[in-house]
C-alpha atoms as a PDB file:
ATOM      1  CA  MET A   1      19.957   3.991   9.320  1.00  0.00           C
ATOM      2  CA  SER A   2      17.875   5.477   6.513  1.00  0.00           C
ATOM      3  CA  PRO A   3      16.062   8.804   7.020  1.00  0.00           C
ATOM      4  CA  LEU A   4      12.767   6.920   6.714  1.00  0.00           C
ATOM      5  CA  ALA A   5      13.755   4.392   9.373  1.00  0.00           C
ATOM      6  CA  SER A   6      14.905   7.121  11.749  1.00  0.00           C
ATOM      7  CA  ARG A   7      11.565   8.915  11.370  1.00  0.00           C
ATOM      8  CA  LEU A   8       9.630   5.720  12.028  1.00  0.00           C
ATOM      9  CA  GLY A   9      11.665   4.802  15.098  1.00  0.00           C
ATOM     10  CA  ASP A  10       9.815   2.399  17.378  1.00  0.00           C
ATOM     11  CA  GLY A  11       6.699   2.893  15.256  1.00  0.00           C
ATOM     12  CA  LYS A  12       8.313   0.724  12.592  1.00  0.00           C
ATOM     13  CA  VAL A  13       8.378  -2.237  14.970  1.00  0.00           C
ATOM     14  CA  ILE A  14       4.702  -1.687  15.757  1.00  0.00           C
ATOM     15  CA  LEU A  15       3.886  -1.340  12.044  1.00  0.00           C
ATOM     16  CA  LYS A  16       5.692  -4.566  11.199  1.00  0.00           C
ATOM     17  CA  SER A  17       3.954  -6.396  14.012  1.00  0.00           C
ATOM     18  CA  LEU A  18       0.504  -5.154  13.014  1.00  0.00           C
ATOM     19  CA  LEU A  19       0.941  -5.919   9.328  1.00  0.00           C
ATOM     20  CA  THR A  20       2.538  -9.300   9.975  1.00  0.00           C
ATOM     21  CA  VAL A  21      -0.363 -10.346  12.183  1.00  0.00           C
ATOM     22  CA  PHE A  22      -2.830  -8.932   9.643  1.00  0.00           C
ATOM     23  CA  LEU A  23      -1.233 -10.798   6.749  1.00  0.00           C
ATOM     24  CA  LEU A  24      -0.623 -14.109   8.464  1.00  0.00           C
ATOM     25  CA  THR A  25      -3.623 -14.762  10.671  1.00  0.00           C
ATOM     26  CA  SER A  26      -7.238 -14.885   9.612  1.00  0.00           C
ATOM     27  CA  SER A  27      -8.395 -15.229  13.230  1.00  0.00           C
ATOM     28  CA  TRP A  28      -7.158 -11.673  13.966  1.00  0.00           C
ATOM     29  CA  VAL A  29     -10.212 -10.287  12.195  1.00  0.00           C
ATOM     30  CA  SER A  30     -12.928 -10.100  14.829  1.00  0.00           C
ATOM     31  CA  VAL A  31     -14.896  -7.159  13.420  1.00  0.00           C
ATOM     32  CA  ARG A  32     -17.069  -7.228  10.302  1.00  0.00           C
ATOM     33  CA  ALA A  33     -14.662  -8.787   7.876  1.00  0.00           C
ATOM     34  CA  ASP A  34     -15.918  -7.646   4.447  1.00  0.00           C
ATOM     35  CA  ALA A  35     -13.334  -4.968   3.594  1.00  0.00           C
ATOM     36  CA  VAL A  36     -10.700  -6.427   5.901  1.00  0.00           C
ATOM     37  CA  SER A  37     -10.961  -9.859   4.270  1.00  0.00           C
ATOM     38  CA  ASP A  38     -10.968  -8.296   0.816  1.00  0.00           C
ATOM     39  CA  LEU A  39      -7.797  -6.326   1.576  1.00  0.00           C
ATOM     40  CA  LYS A  40      -6.100  -9.354   3.089  1.00  0.00           C
ATOM     41  CA  GLN A  41      -6.970 -11.459   0.032  1.00  0.00           C
ATOM     42  CA  ARG A  42      -5.720  -8.833  -2.418  1.00  0.00           C
ATOM     43  CA  ILE A  43      -2.453  -8.522  -0.515  1.00  0.00           C
ATOM     44  CA  GLN A  44      -2.037 -12.314  -0.552  1.00  0.00           C
ATOM     45  CA  ASP A  45      -2.865 -12.408  -4.288  1.00  0.00           C
ATOM     46  CA  ALA A  46      -0.116  -9.838  -4.916  1.00  0.00           C
ATOM     47  CA  HIS A  47       2.536 -11.798  -2.966  1.00  0.00           C
ATOM     48  CA  GLY A  48       5.832 -11.619  -4.835  1.00  0.00           C
ATOM     49  CA  LYS A  49       5.183  -8.018  -5.862  1.00  0.00           C
ATOM     50  CA  VAL A  50       5.942  -4.714  -4.182  1.00  0.00           C
ATOM     51  CA  ILE A  51       2.575  -3.600  -2.801  1.00  0.00           C
ATOM     52  CA  TYR A  52       1.514  -0.007  -2.161  1.00  0.00           C
ATOM     53  CA  VAL A  53      -1.631   0.082   0.018  1.00  0.00           C
ATOM     54  CA  ASP A  54      -3.250   3.525   0.198  1.00  0.00           C
ATOM     55  CA  PHE A  55      -6.128   4.674   2.419  1.00  0.00           C
ATOM     56  CA  TRP A  56      -8.142   7.655   1.160  1.00  0.00           C
ATOM     57  CA  ALA A  57     -11.442   9.535   1.392  1.00  0.00           C
ATOM     58  CA  SER A  58     -13.313  12.015  -0.798  1.00  0.00           C
ATOM     59  CA  TRP A  59     -12.837  14.868   1.711  1.00  0.00           C
ATOM     60  CA  CYS A  60      -9.038  14.460   1.742  1.00  0.00           C
ATOM     61  CA  LYS A  61      -7.417  17.261  -0.294  1.00  0.00           C
ATOM     62  CA  PRO A  62      -3.970  15.615  -0.581  1.00  0.00           C
ATOM     63  CA  CYS A  63      -5.723  12.470  -1.887  1.00  0.00           C
ATOM     64  CA  ARG A  64      -6.698  14.451  -5.000  1.00  0.00           C
ATOM     65  CA  HIS A  65      -2.991  14.843  -5.761  1.00  0.00           C
ATOM     66  CA  SER A  66      -2.057  11.273  -4.895  1.00  0.00           C
ATOM     67  CA  PHE A  67      -4.377   9.683  -7.472  1.00  0.00           C
ATOM     68  CA  PRO A  68      -2.601  10.975 -10.600  1.00  0.00           C
ATOM     69  CA  TRP A  69       0.688   9.942  -8.977  1.00  0.00           C
ATOM     70  CA  MET A  70      -0.565   6.412  -8.185  1.00  0.00           C
ATOM     71  CA  ASN A  71      -1.893   6.088 -11.755  1.00  0.00           C
ATOM     72  CA  ASP A  72       1.531   7.143 -13.022  1.00  0.00           C
ATOM     73  CA  MET A  73       3.313   4.677 -10.699  1.00  0.00           C
ATOM     74  CA  LYS A  74       1.080   1.869 -11.931  1.00  0.00           C
ATOM     75  CA  ARG A  75       1.791   2.697 -15.580  1.00  0.00           C
ATOM     76  CA  LYS A  76       5.551   3.000 -14.953  1.00  0.00           C
ATOM     77  CA  TYR A  77       6.132   0.058 -12.630  1.00  0.00           C
ATOM     78  CA  GLU A  78       3.365  -2.515 -12.888  1.00  0.00           C
ATOM     79  CA  SER A  79       5.395  -4.514 -15.403  1.00  0.00           C
ATOM     80  CA  HIS A  80       8.274  -4.494 -12.881  1.00  0.00           C
ATOM     81  CA  GLY A  81       6.122  -5.983 -10.128  1.00  0.00           C
ATOM     82  CA  LEU A  82       4.272  -3.090  -8.472  1.00  0.00           C
ATOM     83  CA  SER A  83       0.724  -3.609  -7.224  1.00  0.00           C
ATOM     84  CA  ILE A  84      -1.388  -0.699  -5.957  1.00  0.00           C
ATOM     85  CA  ILE A  85      -4.377  -1.361  -3.732  1.00  0.00           C
ATOM     86  CA  THR A  86      -6.440   1.470  -2.287  1.00  0.00           C
ATOM     87  CA  VAL A  87      -9.072   1.545   0.436  1.00  0.00           C
ATOM     88  CA  ASN A  88     -11.779   4.207   0.441  1.00  0.00           C
ATOM     89  CA  LEU A  89     -13.078   5.144   3.876  1.00  0.00           C
ATOM     90  CA  ASP A  90     -16.099   7.293   2.988  1.00  0.00           C
ATOM     91  CA  LYS A  91     -19.207   6.371   4.976  1.00  0.00           C
ATOM     92  CA  GLU A  92     -21.313   6.921   1.852  1.00  0.00           C
ATOM     93  CA  ARG A  93     -20.161   5.271  -1.357  1.00  0.00           C
ATOM     94  CA  HIS A  94     -21.625   7.994  -3.598  1.00  0.00           C
ATOM     95  CA  LEU A  95     -19.042  10.418  -2.130  1.00  0.00           C
ATOM     96  CA  ALA A  96     -16.232   8.126  -3.294  1.00  0.00           C
ATOM     97  CA  GLU A  97     -17.870   7.736  -6.703  1.00  0.00           C
ATOM     98  CA  GLY A  98     -18.057  11.535  -7.079  1.00  0.00           C
ATOM     99  CA  PHE A  99     -14.382  11.815  -6.149  1.00  0.00           C
ATOM    100  CA  LEU A 100     -13.501   9.138  -8.720  1.00  0.00           C
ATOM    101  CA  LYS A 101     -15.323  11.004 -11.498  1.00  0.00           C
ATOM    102  CA  GLU A 102     -12.923  13.909 -10.925  1.00  0.00           C
ATOM    103  CA  ASN A 103      -9.905  11.747 -10.055  1.00  0.00           C
ATOM    104  CA  PRO A 104     -10.066   8.503 -12.045  1.00  0.00           C
ATOM    105  CA  ALA A 105      -8.269   5.462 -10.656  1.00  0.00           C
ATOM    106  CA  GLU A 106      -6.404   2.879 -12.728  1.00  0.00           C
ATOM    107  CA  PHE A 107      -5.877   0.627  -9.706  1.00  0.00           C
ATOM    108  CA  ASP A 108      -7.909  -1.555  -7.343  1.00  0.00           C
ATOM    109  CA  ILE A 109     -10.244   0.103  -4.848  1.00  0.00           C
ATOM    110  CA  ILE A 110     -11.809  -1.501  -1.791  1.00  0.00           C
ATOM    111  CA  TYR A 111     -14.756   0.311  -0.221  1.00  0.00           C
ATOM    112  CA  ASP A 112     -14.816   0.292   3.571  1.00  0.00           C
ATOM    113  CA  GLU A 113     -17.714   2.473   4.691  1.00  0.00           C
ATOM    114  CA  ASN A 114     -17.508   1.012   8.210  1.00  0.00           C
ATOM    115  CA  GLY A 115     -13.838   1.948   8.694  1.00  0.00           C
ATOM    116  CA  ASP A 116     -12.845  -1.585   9.741  1.00  0.00           C
ATOM    117  CA  THR A 117      -9.532  -1.496   7.874  1.00  0.00           C
ATOM    118  CA  ALA A 118      -8.724   1.954   9.282  1.00  0.00           C
ATOM    119  CA  ARG A 119      -9.125   0.610  12.812  1.00  0.00           C
ATOM    120  CA  GLN A 120      -7.065  -2.489  12.016  1.00  0.00           C
ATOM    121  CA  PHE A 121      -4.219  -0.384  10.582  1.00  0.00           C
ATOM    122  CA  LYS A 122      -4.530   2.367  13.225  1.00  0.00           C
ATOM    123  CA  LEU A 123      -4.389   5.163  10.654  1.00  0.00           C
ATOM    124  CA  LYS A 124      -2.716   8.385  11.776  1.00  0.00           C
ATOM    125  CA  GLY A 125      -3.914  10.685   8.980  1.00  0.00           C
ATOM    126  CA  MET A 126      -5.093  10.868   5.399  1.00  0.00           C
ATOM    127  CA  PRO A 127      -3.950   9.753   3.035  1.00  0.00           C
ATOM    128  CA  MET A 128      -1.942   7.029   4.700  1.00  0.00           C
ATOM    129  CA  SER A 129      -0.086   4.336   2.833  1.00  0.00           C
ATOM    130  CA  PHE A 130       1.890   1.210   3.604  1.00  0.00           C
ATOM    131  CA  VAL A 131       4.572  -0.434   1.483  1.00  0.00           C
ATOM    132  CA  ILE A 132       5.077  -4.188   1.515  1.00  0.00           C
ATOM    133  CA  ASP A 133       8.095  -5.796  -0.155  1.00  0.00           C
ATOM    134  CA  ARG A 134       8.084  -8.839  -2.459  1.00  0.00           C
ATOM    135  CA  SER A 135       8.525 -11.235   0.463  1.00  0.00           C
ATOM    136  CA  GLY A 136       5.394  -9.860   2.137  1.00  0.00           C
ATOM    137  CA  LYS A 137       7.324  -7.899   4.763  1.00  0.00           C
ATOM    138  CA  PRO A 138       5.955  -4.447   5.628  1.00  0.00           C
ATOM    139  CA  VAL A 139       8.759  -1.934   5.102  1.00  0.00           C
ATOM    140  CA  SER A 140       7.266   1.519   5.621  1.00  0.00           C
ATOM    141  CA  SER A 141       4.247   3.693   6.205  1.00  0.00           C
ATOM    142  CA  HIS A 142       3.545   7.227   4.994  1.00  0.00           C
ATOM    143  CA  VAL A 143       1.137   9.896   6.215  1.00  0.00           C
ATOM    144  CA  GLY A 144       0.174  12.681   3.855  1.00  0.00           C
ATOM    145  CA  PHE A 145       1.040  13.434   0.269  1.00  0.00           C
ATOM    146  CA  ASN A 146       2.683  16.377  -1.523  1.00  0.00           C
ATOM    147  CA  GLU A 147       5.167  17.019  -4.314  1.00  0.00           C
ATOM    148  CA  GLU A 148       8.197  16.489  -2.079  1.00  0.00           C
ATOM    149  CA  LYS A 149       6.823  13.248  -0.665  1.00  0.00           C
ATOM    150  CA  GLN A 150       5.920  11.824  -4.063  1.00  0.00           C
ATOM    151  CA  LYS A 151       9.582  11.876  -5.093  1.00  0.00           C
ATOM    152  CA  GLU A 152      10.571  10.157  -1.836  1.00  0.00           C
ATOM    153  CA  TYR A 153       7.824   7.551  -2.250  1.00  0.00           C
ATOM    154  CA  GLU A 154       8.747   6.826  -5.868  1.00  0.00           C
ATOM    155  CA  ASN A 155      12.427   6.427  -4.964  1.00  0.00           C
ATOM    156  CA  GLU A 156      11.479   3.957  -2.245  1.00  0.00           C
ATOM    157  CA  LEU A 157       9.304   1.941  -4.641  1.00  0.00           C
ATOM    158  CA  ARG A 158      11.993   1.987  -7.337  1.00  0.00           C
ATOM    159  CA  LYS A 159      14.624   0.665  -4.892  1.00  0.00           C
ATOM    160  CA  LEU A 160      12.347  -2.150  -3.717  1.00  0.00           C
ATOM    161  CA  LEU A 161      11.452  -3.067  -7.292  1.00  0.00           C
ATOM    162  CA  GLN A 162      15.112  -3.041  -8.366  1.00  0.00           C
ATOM    163  CA  ALA A 163      16.147  -5.132  -5.359  1.00  0.00           C
ATOM    164  CA  GLY A 164      13.492  -7.672  -6.249  1.00  0.00           C
ATOM    165  CA  MET A 165      14.606  -7.791  -9.871  1.00  0.00           C
ATOM    166  CA  GLU A 166      18.224  -8.324  -8.813  1.00  0.00           C
ATOM    167  CA  ASN A 167      17.168 -11.151  -6.474  1.00  0.00           C
ATOM    168  CA  GLN A 168      15.110 -12.784  -9.237  1.00  0.00           C
ATOM    169  CA  THR A 169      18.024 -12.485 -11.675  1.00  0.00           C
ATOM    170  CA  LEU A 170      20.394 -14.043  -9.117  1.00  0.00           C
ATOM    171  CA  LYS A 171      17.943 -16.897  -8.492  1.00  0.00           C
ATOM    172  CA  LYS A 172      17.639 -17.555 -12.246  1.00  0.00           C
ATOM    173  CA  GLU A 173      21.427 -17.487 -12.657  1.00  0.00           C
ATOM    174  CA  ALA A 174      21.868 -19.908  -9.744  1.00  0.00           C
ATOM    175  CA  THR A 175      19.259 -22.258 -11.249  1.00  0.00           C
ATOM    176  CA  ASN A 176      20.939 -22.117 -14.666  1.00  0.00           C
ATOM    177  CA  GLU A 177      24.334 -22.978 -13.163  1.00  0.00           C
ATOM    178  CA  GLN A 178      23.027 -26.188 -11.612  1.00  0.00           C
END
């Protein structure tokens, strides 16, 4: 069992269940669906890619460090199939805009001033992120961000991206042999 899996324990089963329901059923959304529907659509649009979904707010100090890292991940791995989607949870959009002036984003941002997505995903802290593999299966969640964690997160993304590339290469080779 990986160190990540052992830390998630039973929470991983709950995470998979929540994300699977979120991704597969539109009837699950019973609250105001603006940000929730937007996030669901963006995740569906990115199907076939490794997806990093990050929840953040302007008051979150670790979020200030995660933005340069996410920009770097996008530049390094977008061509290999990485998609980064972030959800801002500030109640007032001007707070997020001020944050973004100091911490520019090169990735998609969904604004959720009502916190609907946070309730749906049952966030445990900030920032909190979820990783979804190329098949659409949720594989992990992360709470917090620091230098040590960014290396762990990048290694996880790199492994998922490489696994996907190997699977695509095998599929192409199998098709060519027929």
